[in-house]
PDB file of N, CA and C in Angstrom:
ATOM      1  N   MET A   1      52.193  76.912-104.292  1.00  0.00           N
ATOM      2  CA  MET A   1      50.776  76.938-103.985  1.00  0.00           C
ATOM      3  C   MET A   1      50.434  78.142-103.107  1.00  0.00           C
ATOM      4  N   ILE A   2      51.303  78.482-102.141  1.00  0.00           N
ATOM      5  CA  ILE A   2      50.991  79.607-101.252  1.00  0.00           C
ATOM      6  C   ILE A   2      50.936  80.908-102.034  1.00  0.00           C
ATOM      7  N   ASN A   3      51.732  81.006-103.110  1.00  0.00           N
ATOM      8  CA  ASN A   3      51.676  82.201-103.949  1.00  0.00           C
ATOM      9  C   ASN A   3      50.301  82.361-104.584  1.00  0.00           C
ATOM     10  N   GLU A   4      49.750  81.250-105.078  1.00  0.00           N
ATOM     11  CA  GLU A   4      48.431  81.296-105.715  1.00  0.00           C
ATOM     12  C   GLU A   4      47.343  81.644-104.701  1.00  0.00           C
ATOM     13  N   ILE A   5      47.435  81.073-103.516  1.00  0.00           N
ATOM     14  CA  ILE A   5      46.458  81.373-102.468  1.00  0.00           C
ATOM     15  C   ILE A   5      46.525  82.854-102.112  1.00  0.00           C
ATOM     16  N   GLY A   6      47.736  83.368-101.975  1.00  0.00           N
ATOM     17  CA  GLY A   6      47.914  84.785-101.666  1.00  0.00           C
ATOM     18  C   GLY A   6      47.315  85.685-102.727  1.00  0.00           C
ATOM     19  N   LYS A   7      47.489  85.313-103.984  1.00  0.00           N
ATOM     20  CA  LYS A   7      46.928  86.106-105.088  1.00  0.00           C
ATOM     21  C   LYS A   7      45.398  86.089-105.055  1.00  0.00           C
ATOM     22  N   ILE A   8      44.832  84.929-104.775  1.00  0.00           N
ATOM     23  CA  ILE A   8      43.369  84.815-104.688  1.00  0.00           C
ATOM     24  C   ILE A   8      42.846  85.711-103.567  1.00  0.00           C
ATOM     25  N   ILE A   9      43.495  85.645-102.404  1.00  0.00           N
ATOM     26  CA  ILE A   9      43.077  86.471-101.259  1.00  0.00           C
ATOM     27  C   ILE A   9      43.199  87.952-101.608  1.00  0.00           C
ATOM     28  N   ARG A  10      44.339  88.345-102.168  1.00  0.00           N
ATOM     29  CA  ARG A  10      44.555  89.747-102.513  1.00  0.00           C
ATOM     30  C   ARG A  10      43.515  90.247-103.520  1.00  0.00           C
ATOM     31  N   ASP A  11      43.281  89.453-104.574  1.00  0.00           N
ATOM     32  CA  ASP A  11      42.311  89.865-105.597  1.00  0.00           C
ATOM     33  C   ASP A  11      40.910  89.989-105.012  1.00  0.00           C
ATOM     34  N   LYS A  12      40.537  89.045-104.167  1.00  0.00           N
ATOM     35  CA  LYS A  12      39.201  89.083-103.556  1.00  0.00           C
ATOM     36  C   LYS A  12      39.085  90.263-102.598  1.00  0.00           C
ATOM     37  N   ARG A  13      40.128  90.508-101.812  1.00  0.00           N
ATOM     38  CA  ARG A  13      40.125  91.646-100.879  1.00  0.00           C
ATOM     39  C   ARG A  13      39.957  92.951-101.637  1.00  0.00           C
ATOM     40  N   ARG A  14      40.720  93.098-102.704  1.00  0.00           N
ATOM     41  CA  ARG A  14      40.628  94.317-103.508  1.00  0.00           C
ATOM     42  C   ARG A  14      39.261  94.466-104.149  1.00  0.00           C
ATOM     43  N   SER A  15      38.694  93.362-104.629  1.00  0.00           N
ATOM     44  CA  SER A  15      37.370  93.440-105.262  1.00  0.00           C
ATOM     45  C   SER A  15      36.295  93.861-104.265  1.00  0.00           C
ATOM     46  N   LEU A  16      36.530  93.563-102.995  1.00  0.00           N
ATOM     47  CA  LEU A  16      35.596  93.967-101.939  1.00  0.00           C
ATOM     48  C   LEU A  16      35.889  95.373-101.420  1.00  0.00           C
ATOM     49  N   GLY A  17      36.961  95.967-101.903  1.00  0.00           N
ATOM     50  CA  GLY A  17      37.325  97.313-101.470  1.00  0.00           C
ATOM     51  C   GLY A  17      37.882  97.370-100.062  1.00  0.00           C
ATOM     52  N   LEU A  18      38.469  96.269 -99.614  1.00  0.00           N
ATOM     53  CA  LEU A  18      39.033  96.217 -98.261  1.00  0.00           C
ATOM     54  C   LEU A  18      40.523  96.516 -98.294  1.00  0.00           C
ATOM     55  N   THR A  19      41.014  97.186 -97.283  1.00  0.00           N
ATOM     56  CA  THR A  19      42.448  97.348 -97.102  1.00  0.00           C
ATOM     57  C   THR A  19      42.977  96.115 -96.364  1.00  0.00           C
ATOM     58  N   ILE A  20      44.284  95.982 -96.358  1.00  0.00           N
ATOM     59  CA  ILE A  20      44.893  94.889 -95.588  1.00  0.00           C
ATOM     60  C   ILE A  20      44.502  95.013 -94.119  1.00  0.00           C
ATOM     61  N   GLU A  21      44.502  96.225 -93.619  1.00  0.00           N
ATOM     62  CA  GLU A  21      44.161  96.457 -92.216  1.00  0.00           C
ATOM     63  C   GLU A  21      42.721  96.024 -91.920  1.00  0.00           C
ATOM     64  N   GLN A  22      41.801  96.368 -92.821  1.00  0.00           N
ATOM     65  CA  GLN A  22      40.396  96.004 -92.614  1.00  0.00           C
ATOM     66  C   GLN A  22      40.208  94.488 -92.665  1.00  0.00           C
ATOM     67  N   LEU A  23      40.887  93.832 -93.602  1.00  0.00           N
ATOM     68  CA  LEU A  23      40.782  92.375 -93.692  1.00  0.00           C
ATOM     69  C   LEU A  23      41.347  91.732 -92.432  1.00  0.00           C
ATOM     70  N   ALA A  24      42.486  92.214 -91.984  1.00  0.00           N
ATOM     71  CA  ALA A  24      43.102  91.656 -90.775  1.00  0.00           C
ATOM     72  C   ALA A  24      42.162  91.786 -89.581  1.00  0.00           C
ATOM     73  N   GLU A  25      41.549  92.942 -89.446  1.00  0.00           N
ATOM     74  CA  GLU A  25      40.617  93.156 -88.335  1.00  0.00           C
ATOM     75  C   GLU A  25      39.407  92.235 -88.460  1.00  0.00           C
ATOM     76  N   LYS A  26      38.872  92.140 -89.650  1.00  0.00           N
ATOM     77  CA  LYS A  26      37.685  91.303 -89.884  1.00  0.00           C
ATOM     78  C   LYS A  26      37.975  89.826 -89.610  1.00  0.00           C
ATOM     79  N   ALA A  27      39.192  89.383 -89.948  1.00  0.00           N
ATOM     80  CA  ALA A  27      39.572  87.981 -89.759  1.00  0.00           C
ATOM     81  C   ALA A  27      40.210  87.718 -88.403  1.00  0.00           C
ATOM     82  N   ASP A  28      40.438  88.788 -87.628  1.00  0.00           N
ATOM     83  CA  ASP A  28      41.086  88.692 -86.320  1.00  0.00           C
ATOM     84  C   ASP A  28      42.469  88.044 -86.423  1.00  0.00           C
ATOM     85  N   VAL A  29      43.252  88.570 -87.378  1.00  0.00           N
ATOM     86  CA  VAL A  29      44.648  88.165 -87.540  1.00  0.00           C
ATOM     87  C   VAL A  29      45.481  89.434 -87.671  1.00  0.00           C
ATOM     88  N   SER A  30      46.783  89.295 -87.675  1.00  0.00           N
ATOM     89  CA  SER A  30      47.640  90.476 -87.786  1.00  0.00           C
ATOM     90  C   SER A  30      47.709  90.972 -89.232  1.00  0.00           C
ATOM     91  N   GLU A  31      47.931  92.279 -89.367  1.00  0.00           N
ATOM     92  CA  GLU A  31      48.118  92.866 -90.691  1.00  0.00           C
ATOM     93  C   GLU A  31      49.333  92.241 -91.370  1.00  0.00           C
ATOM     94  N   SER A  32      50.361  91.995 -90.582  1.00  0.00           N
ATOM     95  CA  SER A  32      51.580  91.395 -91.101  1.00  0.00           C
ATOM     96  C   SER A  32      51.299  90.034 -91.734  1.00  0.00           C
ATOM     97  N   LEU A  33      50.463  89.230 -91.078  1.00  0.00           N
ATOM     98  CA  LEU A  33      50.133  87.910 -91.605  1.00  0.00           C
ATOM     99  C   LEU A  33      49.427  88.024 -92.955  1.00  0.00           C
ATOM    100  N   VAL A  34      48.453  88.933 -93.050  1.00  0.00           N
ATOM    101  CA  VAL A  34      47.729  89.117 -94.308  1.00  0.00           C
ATOM    102  C   VAL A  34      48.695  89.564 -95.399  1.00  0.00           C
ATOM    103  N   SER A  35      49.533  90.527 -95.084  1.00  0.00           N
ATOM    104  CA  SER A  35      50.499  91.037 -96.059  1.00  0.00           C
ATOM    105  C   SER A  35      51.442  89.931 -96.532  1.00  0.00           C
ATOM    106  N   GLN A  36      51.970  89.168 -95.593  1.00  0.00           N
ATOM    107  CA  GLN A  36      52.885  88.072 -95.943  1.00  0.00           C
ATOM    108  C   GLN A  36      52.184  87.018 -96.788  1.00  0.00           C
ATOM    109  N   LEU A  37      50.951  86.692 -96.433  1.00  0.00           N
ATOM    110  CA  LEU A  37      50.186  85.704 -97.182  1.00  0.00           C
ATOM    111  C   LEU A  37      49.961  86.176 -98.614  1.00  0.00           C
ATOM    112  N   GLU A  38      49.556  87.427 -98.761  1.00  0.00           N
ATOM    113  CA  GLU A  38      49.288  87.968-100.091  1.00  0.00           C
ATOM    114  C   GLU A  38      50.542  88.011-100.954  1.00  0.00           C
ATOM    115  N   ARG A  39      51.689  88.220-100.338  1.00  0.00           N
ATOM    116  CA  ARG A  39      52.950  88.261-101.078  1.00  0.00           C
ATOM    117  C   ARG A  39      53.554  86.873-101.276  1.00  0.00           C
ATOM    118  N   GLY A  40      52.951  85.866-100.657  1.00  0.00           N
ATOM    119  CA  GLY A  40      53.440  84.499-100.809  1.00  0.00           C
ATOM    120  C   GLY A  40      54.704  84.204-100.037  1.00  0.00           C
ATOM    121  N   VAL A  41      54.969  84.982 -98.999  1.00  0.00           N
ATOM    122  CA  VAL A  41      56.196  84.775 -98.229  1.00  0.00           C
ATOM    123  C   VAL A  41      55.955  84.056 -96.904  1.00  0.00           C
ATOM    124  N   ASN A  42      54.720  83.719 -96.607  1.00  0.00           N
ATOM    125  CA  ASN A  42      54.428  83.001 -95.362  1.00  0.00           C
ATOM    126  C   ASN A  42      53.704  81.709 -95.709  1.00  0.00           C
ATOM    127  N   SER A  43      54.444  80.612 -95.701  1.00  0.00           N
ATOM    128  CA  SER A  43      53.832  79.316 -95.970  1.00  0.00           C
ATOM    129  C   SER A  43      53.535  78.562 -94.686  1.00  0.00           C
ATOM    130  N   ASN A  44      53.730  79.227 -93.554  1.00  0.00           N
ATOM    131  CA  ASN A  44      53.527  78.603 -92.253  1.00  0.00           C
ATOM    132  C   ASN A  44      52.313  79.219 -91.562  1.00  0.00           C
ATOM    133  N   ILE A  45      51.180  79.150 -92.238  1.00  0.00           N
ATOM    134  CA  ILE A  45      49.946  79.708 -91.686  1.00  0.00           C
ATOM    135  C   ILE A  45      49.060  78.555 -91.240  1.00  0.00           C
ATOM    136  N   SER A  46      48.427  78.733 -90.103  1.00  0.00           N
ATOM    137  CA  SER A  46      47.553  77.668 -89.612  1.00  0.00           C
ATOM    138  C   SER A  46      46.289  77.599 -90.469  1.00  0.00           C
ATOM    139  N   LEU A  47      45.727  76.426 -90.535  1.00  0.00           N
ATOM    140  CA  LEU A  47      44.490  76.224 -91.281  1.00  0.00           C
ATOM    141  C   LEU A  47      43.375  77.085 -90.702  1.00  0.00           C
ATOM    142  N   ASN A  48      43.375  77.242 -89.385  1.00  0.00           N
ATOM    143  CA  ASN A  48      42.369  78.058 -88.710  1.00  0.00           C
ATOM    144  C   ASN A  48      42.443  79.510 -89.188  1.00  0.00           C
ATOM    145  N   LYS A  49      43.640  80.071 -89.221  1.00  0.00           N
ATOM    146  CA  LYS A  49      43.794  81.464 -89.653  1.00  0.00           C
ATOM    147  C   LYS A  49      43.491  81.621 -91.130  1.00  0.00           C
ATOM    148  N   LEU A  50      43.910  80.660 -91.936  1.00  0.00           N
ATOM    149  CA  LEU A  50      43.613  80.718 -93.362  1.00  0.00           C
ATOM    150  C   LEU A  50      42.104  80.661 -93.593  1.00  0.00           C
ATOM    151  N   GLU A  51      41.420  79.855 -92.818  1.00  0.00           N
ATOM    152  CA  GLU A  51      39.964  79.774 -92.937  1.00  0.00           C
ATOM    153  C   GLU A  51      39.310  81.090 -92.514  1.00  0.00           C
ATOM    154  N   ARG A  52      39.803  81.713 -91.444  1.00  0.00           N
ATOM    155  CA  ARG A  52      39.240  83.001 -91.008  1.00  0.00           C
ATOM    156  C   ARG A  52      39.447  84.079 -92.064  1.00  0.00           C
ATOM    157  N   ILE A  53      40.604  84.084 -92.693  1.00  0.00           N
ATOM    158  CA  ILE A  53      40.873  85.063 -93.742  1.00  0.00           C
ATOM    159  C   ILE A  53      39.982  84.807 -94.942  1.00  0.00           C
ATOM    160  N   SER A  54      39.868  83.563 -95.356  1.00  0.00           N
ATOM    161  CA  SER A  54      39.029  83.256 -96.524  1.00  0.00           C
ATOM    162  C   SER A  54      37.565  83.590 -96.248  1.00  0.00           C
ATOM    163  N   THR A  55      37.101  83.308 -95.055  1.00  0.00           N
ATOM    164  CA  THR A  55      35.719  83.636 -94.678  1.00  0.00           C
ATOM    165  C   THR A  55      35.503  85.148 -94.697  1.00  0.00           C
ATOM    166  N   ALA A  56      36.503  85.886 -94.255  1.00  0.00           N
ATOM    167  CA  ALA A  56      36.403  87.353 -94.210  1.00  0.00           C
ATOM    168  C   ALA A  56      36.275  87.969 -95.602  1.00  0.00           C
ATOM    169  N   VAL A  57      36.749  87.259 -96.630  1.00  0.00           N
ATOM    170  CA  VAL A  57      36.604  87.755 -98.007  1.00  0.00           C
ATOM    171  C   VAL A  57      35.545  86.951 -98.777  1.00  0.00           C
ATOM    172  N   ASN A  58      34.665  86.296 -98.025  1.00  0.00           N
ATOM    173  CA  ASN A  58      33.529  85.567 -98.595  1.00  0.00           C
ATOM    174  C   ASN A  58      33.935  84.406 -99.499  1.00  0.00           C
ATOM    175  N   LEU A  59      34.989  83.714 -99.107  1.00  0.00           N
ATOM    176  CA  LEU A  59      35.411  82.516 -99.819  1.00  0.00           C
ATOM    177  C   LEU A  59      35.364  81.335 -98.864  1.00  0.00           C
ATOM    178  N   LYS A  60      35.044  80.182 -99.405  1.00  0.00           N
ATOM    179  CA  LYS A  60      35.153  78.955 -98.616  1.00  0.00           C
ATOM    180  C   LYS A  60      36.574  78.444 -98.784  1.00  0.00           C
ATOM    181  N   LEU A  61      37.099  77.847 -97.760  1.00  0.00           N
ATOM    182  CA  LEU A  61      38.483  77.374 -97.775  1.00  0.00           C
ATOM    183  C   LEU A  61      38.806  76.531 -99.019  1.00  0.00           C
ATOM    184  N   PRO A  62      37.971  75.587 -99.413  1.00  0.00           N
ATOM    185  CA  PRO A  62      38.303  74.792-100.605  1.00  0.00           C
ATOM    186  C   PRO A  62      38.457  75.621-101.885  1.00  0.00           C
ATOM    187  N   GLU A  63      37.805  76.771-101.944  1.00  0.00           N
ATOM    188  CA  GLU A  63      37.925  77.607-103.136  1.00  0.00           C
ATOM    189  C   GLU A  63      39.349  78.110-103.331  1.00  0.00           C
ATOM    190  N   LEU A  64      40.105  78.200-102.263  1.00  0.00           N
ATOM    191  CA  LEU A  64      41.490  78.633-102.373  1.00  0.00           C
ATOM    192  C   LEU A  64      42.350  77.583-103.068  1.00  0.00           C
ATOM    193  N   PHE A  65      41.870  76.357-103.065  1.00  0.00           N
ATOM    194  CA  PHE A  65      42.619  75.254-103.666  1.00  0.00           C
ATOM    195  C   PHE A  65      41.969  74.775-104.958  1.00  0.00           C
ATOM    196  N   ASP A  66      41.031  75.560-105.454  1.00  0.00           N
ATOM    197  CA  ASP A  66      40.260  75.169-106.637  1.00  0.00           C
ATOM    198  C   ASP A  66      41.034  75.493-107.913  1.00  0.00           C
ATOM    199  N   GLN A  67      42.212  74.955-108.004  1.00  0.00           N
ATOM    200  CA  GLN A  67      43.052  75.070-109.179  1.00  0.00           C
ATOM    201  C   GLN A  67      43.114  73.688-109.826  1.00  0.00           C
ATOM    202  N   PRO A  68      43.220  73.619-111.145  1.00  0.00           N
ATOM    203  CA  PRO A  68      43.265  72.298-111.792  1.00  0.00           C
ATOM    204  C   PRO A  68      44.339  71.387-111.228  1.00  0.00           C
ATOM    205  N   GLU A  69      45.513  71.959-110.909  1.00  0.00           N
ATOM    206  CA  GLU A  69      46.593  71.113-110.389  1.00  0.00           C
ATOM    207  C   GLU A  69      46.348  70.675-108.953  1.00  0.00           C
ATOM    208  N   HIS A  70      45.364  71.267-108.277  1.00  0.00           N
ATOM    209  CA  HIS A  70      45.065  70.914-106.891  1.00  0.00           C
ATOM    210  C   HIS A  70      43.734  70.190-106.751  1.00  0.00           C
ATOM    211  N   SER A  71      43.204  69.713-107.841  1.00  0.00           N
ATOM    212  CA  SER A  71      41.922  69.024-107.766  1.00  0.00           C
ATOM    213  C   SER A  71      42.117  67.548-108.082  1.00  0.00           C
ATOM    214  N   GLY A  72      41.051  66.804-108.045  1.00  0.00           N
ATOM    215  CA  GLY A  72      41.131  65.375-108.293  1.00  0.00           C
ATOM    216  C   GLY A  72      41.486  64.633-107.024  1.00  0.00           C
ATOM    217  N   ILE A  73      41.485  63.346-107.138  1.00  0.00           N
ATOM    218  CA  ILE A  73      41.762  62.400-106.051  1.00  0.00           C
ATOM    219  C   ILE A  73      41.283  62.873-104.679  1.00  0.00           C
ATOM    220  N   GLN A  74      40.122  63.391-104.662  1.00  0.00           N
ATOM    221  CA  GLN A  74      39.461  63.828-103.423  1.00  0.00           C
ATOM    222  C   GLN A  74      40.283  64.829-102.623  1.00  0.00           C
ATOM    223  N   TYR A  75      41.082  65.635-103.299  1.00  0.00           N
ATOM    224  CA  TYR A  75      41.928  66.629-102.646  1.00  0.00           C
ATOM    225  C   TYR A  75      41.108  67.573-101.768  1.00  0.00           C
ATOM    226  N   LEU A  76      40.047  68.123-102.334  1.00  0.00           N
ATOM    227  CA  LEU A  76      39.251  69.083-101.571  1.00  0.00           C
ATOM    228  C   LEU A  76      38.489  68.416-100.440  1.00  0.00           C
ATOM    229  N   GLU A  77      38.007  67.197-100.669  1.00  0.00           N
ATOM    230  CA  GLU A  77      37.316  66.499 -99.587  1.00  0.00           C
ATOM    231  C   GLU A  77      38.255  66.220 -98.430  1.00  0.00           C
ATOM    232  N   LEU A  78      39.498  65.880 -98.756  1.00  0.00           N
ATOM    233  CA  LEU A  78      40.484  65.636 -97.706  1.00  0.00           C
ATOM    234  C   LEU A  78      40.738  66.913 -96.901  1.00  0.00           C
ATOM    235  N   LEU A  79      40.876  68.041 -97.583  1.00  0.00           N
ATOM    236  CA  LEU A  79      41.086  69.306 -96.876  1.00  0.00           C
ATOM    237  C   LEU A  79      39.891  69.652 -95.995  1.00  0.00           C
ATOM    238  N   ASP A  80      38.686  69.455 -96.519  1.00  0.00           N
ATOM    239  CA  ASP A  80      37.487  69.708 -95.716  1.00  0.00           C
ATOM    240  C   ASP A  80      37.466  68.815 -94.486  1.00  0.00           C
ATOM    241  N   TYR A  81      37.790  67.543 -94.678  1.00  0.00           N
ATOM    242  CA  TYR A  81      37.799  66.599 -93.566  1.00  0.00           C
ATOM    243  C   TYR A  81      38.800  67.031 -92.501  1.00  0.00           C
ATOM    244  N   LEU A  82      40.015  67.371 -92.940  1.00  0.00           N
ATOM    245  CA  LEU A  82      41.048  67.798 -91.998  1.00  0.00           C
ATOM    246  C   LEU A  82      40.648  69.076 -91.263  1.00  0.00           C
ATOM    247  N   ALA A  83      39.996  69.983 -91.967  1.00  0.00           N
ATOM    248  CA  ALA A  83      39.607  71.258 -91.356  1.00  0.00           C
ATOM    249  C   ALA A  83      38.614  71.061 -90.220  1.00  0.00           C
ATOM    250  N   LYS A  84      37.854  69.989 -90.267  1.00  0.00           N
ATOM    251  CA  LYS A  84      36.838  69.745 -89.245  1.00  0.00           C
ATOM    252  C   LYS A  84      37.404  69.068 -87.995  1.00  0.00           C
ATOM    253  N   LEU A  85      38.615  68.568 -88.093  1.00  0.00           N
ATOM    254  CA  LEU A  85      39.230  67.865 -86.967  1.00  0.00           C
ATOM    255  C   LEU A  85      39.865  68.838 -85.983  1.00  0.00           C
ATOM    256  N   SER A  86      40.003  68.384 -84.758  1.00  0.00           N
ATOM    257  CA  SER A  86      40.748  69.179 -83.779  1.00  0.00           C
ATOM    258  C   SER A  86      42.219  69.171 -84.173  1.00  0.00           C
ATOM    259  N   ARG A  87      42.968  70.105 -83.633  1.00  0.00           N
ATOM    260  CA  ARG A  87      44.400  70.184 -83.955  1.00  0.00           C
ATOM    261  C   ARG A  87      45.111  68.870 -83.625  1.00  0.00           C
ATOM    262  N   GLU A  88      44.798  68.303 -82.461  1.00  0.00           N
ATOM    263  CA  GLU A  88      45.444  67.058 -82.050  1.00  0.00           C
ATOM    264  C   GLU A  88      45.123  65.931 -83.016  1.00  0.00           C
ATOM    265  N   ASP A  89      43.851  65.838 -83.429  1.00  0.00           N
ATOM    266  CA  ASP A  89      43.457  64.780 -84.361  1.00  0.00           C
ATOM    267  C   ASP A  89      44.089  64.980 -85.735  1.00  0.00           C
ATOM    268  N   ARG A  90      44.198  66.251 -86.180  1.00  0.00           N
ATOM    269  CA  ARG A  90      44.861  66.534 -87.463  1.00  0.00           C
ATOM    270  C   ARG A  90      46.315  66.093 -87.410  1.00  0.00           C
ATOM    271  N   GLU A  91      46.987  66.404 -86.306  1.00  0.00           N
ATOM    272  CA  GLU A  91      48.393  66.028 -86.164  1.00  0.00           C
ATOM    273  C   GLU A  91      48.548  64.506 -86.146  1.00  0.00           C
ATOM    274  N   ALA A  92      47.690  63.828 -85.396  1.00  0.00           N
ATOM    275  CA  ALA A  92      47.774  62.370 -85.309  1.00  0.00           C
ATOM    276  C   ALA A  92      47.520  61.731 -86.668  1.00  0.00           C
ATOM    277  N   LEU A  93      46.507  62.207 -87.367  1.00  0.00           N
ATOM    278  CA  LEU A  93      46.197  61.667 -88.690  1.00  0.00           C
ATOM    279  C   LEU A  93      47.332  61.958 -89.666  1.00  0.00           C
ATOM    280  N   SER A  94      47.887  63.145 -89.611  1.00  0.00           N
ATOM    281  CA  SER A  94      48.993  63.503 -90.496  1.00  0.00           C
ATOM    282  C   SER A  94      50.185  62.579 -90.280  1.00  0.00           C
ATOM    283  N   GLN A  95      50.491  62.283 -89.026  1.00  0.00           N
ATOM    284  CA  GLN A  95      51.605  61.375 -88.727  1.00  0.00           C
ATOM    285  C   GLN A  95      51.347  59.996 -89.313  1.00  0.00           C
ATOM    286  N   LYS A  96      50.127  59.505 -89.187  1.00  0.00           N
ATOM    287  CA  LYS A  96      49.790  58.175 -89.708  1.00  0.00           C
ATOM    288  C   LYS A  96      49.851  58.141 -91.228  1.00  0.00           C
ATOM    289  N   VAL A  97      49.337  59.172 -91.864  1.00  0.00           N
ATOM    290  CA  VAL A  97      49.358  59.226 -93.329  1.00  0.00           C
ATOM    291  C   VAL A  97      50.797  59.298 -93.826  1.00  0.00           C
ATOM    292  N   LEU A  98      51.614  60.138 -93.191  1.00  0.00           N
ATOM    293  CA  LEU A  98      53.012  60.234 -93.597  1.00  0.00           C
ATOM    294  C   LEU A  98      53.754  58.914 -93.383  1.00  0.00           C
ATOM    295  N   ALA A  99      53.462  58.226 -92.303  1.00  0.00           N
ATOM    296  CA  ALA A  99      54.084  56.924 -92.053  1.00  0.00           C
ATOM    297  C   ALA A  99      53.663  55.922 -93.132  1.00  0.00           C
ATOM    298  N   LEU A 100      52.402  55.939 -93.498  1.00  0.00           N
ATOM    299  CA  LEU A 100      51.913  55.051 -94.547  1.00  0.00           C
ATOM    300  C   LEU A 100      52.571  55.367 -95.885  1.00  0.00           C
ATOM    301  N   LEU A 101      52.672  56.649 -96.218  1.00  0.00           N
ATOM    302  CA  LEU A 101      53.307  57.043 -97.476  1.00  0.00           C
ATOM    303  C   LEU A 101      54.787  56.647 -97.510  1.00  0.00           C
ATOM    304  N   THR A 102      55.467  56.831 -96.396  1.00  0.00           N
ATOM    305  CA  THR A 102      56.865  56.441 -96.308  1.00  0.00           C
ATOM    306  C   THR A 102      57.008  54.937 -96.479  1.00  0.00           C
ATOM    307  N   PHE A 103      56.142  54.185 -95.836  1.00  0.00           N
ATOM    308  CA  PHE A 103      56.153  52.724 -95.956  1.00  0.00           C
ATOM    309  C   PHE A 103      55.931  52.309 -97.403  1.00  0.00           C
ATOM    310  N   MET A 104      54.938  52.898 -98.049  1.00  0.00           N
ATOM    311  CA  MET A 104      54.630  52.553 -99.444  1.00  0.00           C
ATOM    312  C   MET A 104      55.786  52.926-100.366  1.00  0.00           C
ATOM    313  N   ASP A 105      56.401  54.080-100.114  1.00  0.00           N
ATOM    314  CA  ASP A 105      57.530  54.516-100.924  1.00  0.00           C
ATOM    315  C   ASP A 105      58.708  53.568-100.755  1.00  0.00           C
ATOM    316  N   ASN A 106      58.993  53.200 -99.515  1.00  0.00           N
ATOM    317  CA  ASN A 106      60.108  52.251 -99.251  1.00  0.00           C
ATOM    318  C   ASN A 106      59.839  50.901 -99.897  1.00  0.00           C
ATOM    319  N   LYS A 107      58.596  50.455 -99.828  1.00  0.00           N
ATOM    320  CA  LYS A 107      58.231  49.157-100.408  1.00  0.00           C
ATOM    321  C   LYS A 107      58.426  49.172-101.917  1.00  0.00           C
ATOM    322  N   SER A 108      57.998  50.251-102.566  1.00  0.00           N
ATOM    323  CA  SER A 108      58.130  50.322-104.033  1.00  0.00           C
ATOM    324  C   SER A 108      59.581  50.467-104.442  1.00  0.00           C
ATOM    325  N   ASN A 109      60.412  51.122-103.618  1.00  0.00           N
ATOM    326  CA  ASN A 109      61.838  51.255-103.936  1.00  0.00           C
ATOM    327  C   ASN A 109      62.589  49.958-103.774  1.00  0.00           C
ATOM    328  N   ASN A 110      62.086  49.050-102.942  1.00  0.00           N
ATOM    329  CA  ASN A 110      62.747  47.761-102.701  1.00  0.00           C
ATOM    330  C   ASN A 110      62.352  46.701-103.715  1.00  0.00           C
ATOM    331  N   GLN A 111      61.410  46.990-104.561  1.00  0.00           N
ATOM    332  CA  GLN A 111      60.949  45.992-105.528  1.00  0.00           C
ATOM    333  C   GLN A 111      61.749  46.038-106.799  1.00  0.00           C
TER     334      GLN A 111
END
């Protein structure tokens, strides 16, 4: 998925005639981060930085995930919801969701 996001960012940046340096400055992130993202080698990017980069190239964050395999089951609504939460609330919710998924997985494996 990070490869696809990187390609979308790169294509949009190029269509706007921006260099990596200009995009990094506009998004207030490092040039290295933009380069790594575009090449798909950095999957450890914060949602905040990804949103700043997408905004800098005139994209809304959900548009980066607007692929058929990433749609349905309220995928984009969930991402929007998470993006609006504070970091602490995102972490707490993520822990609860993962615990629920683990519980459900264990329950189905025991049946």
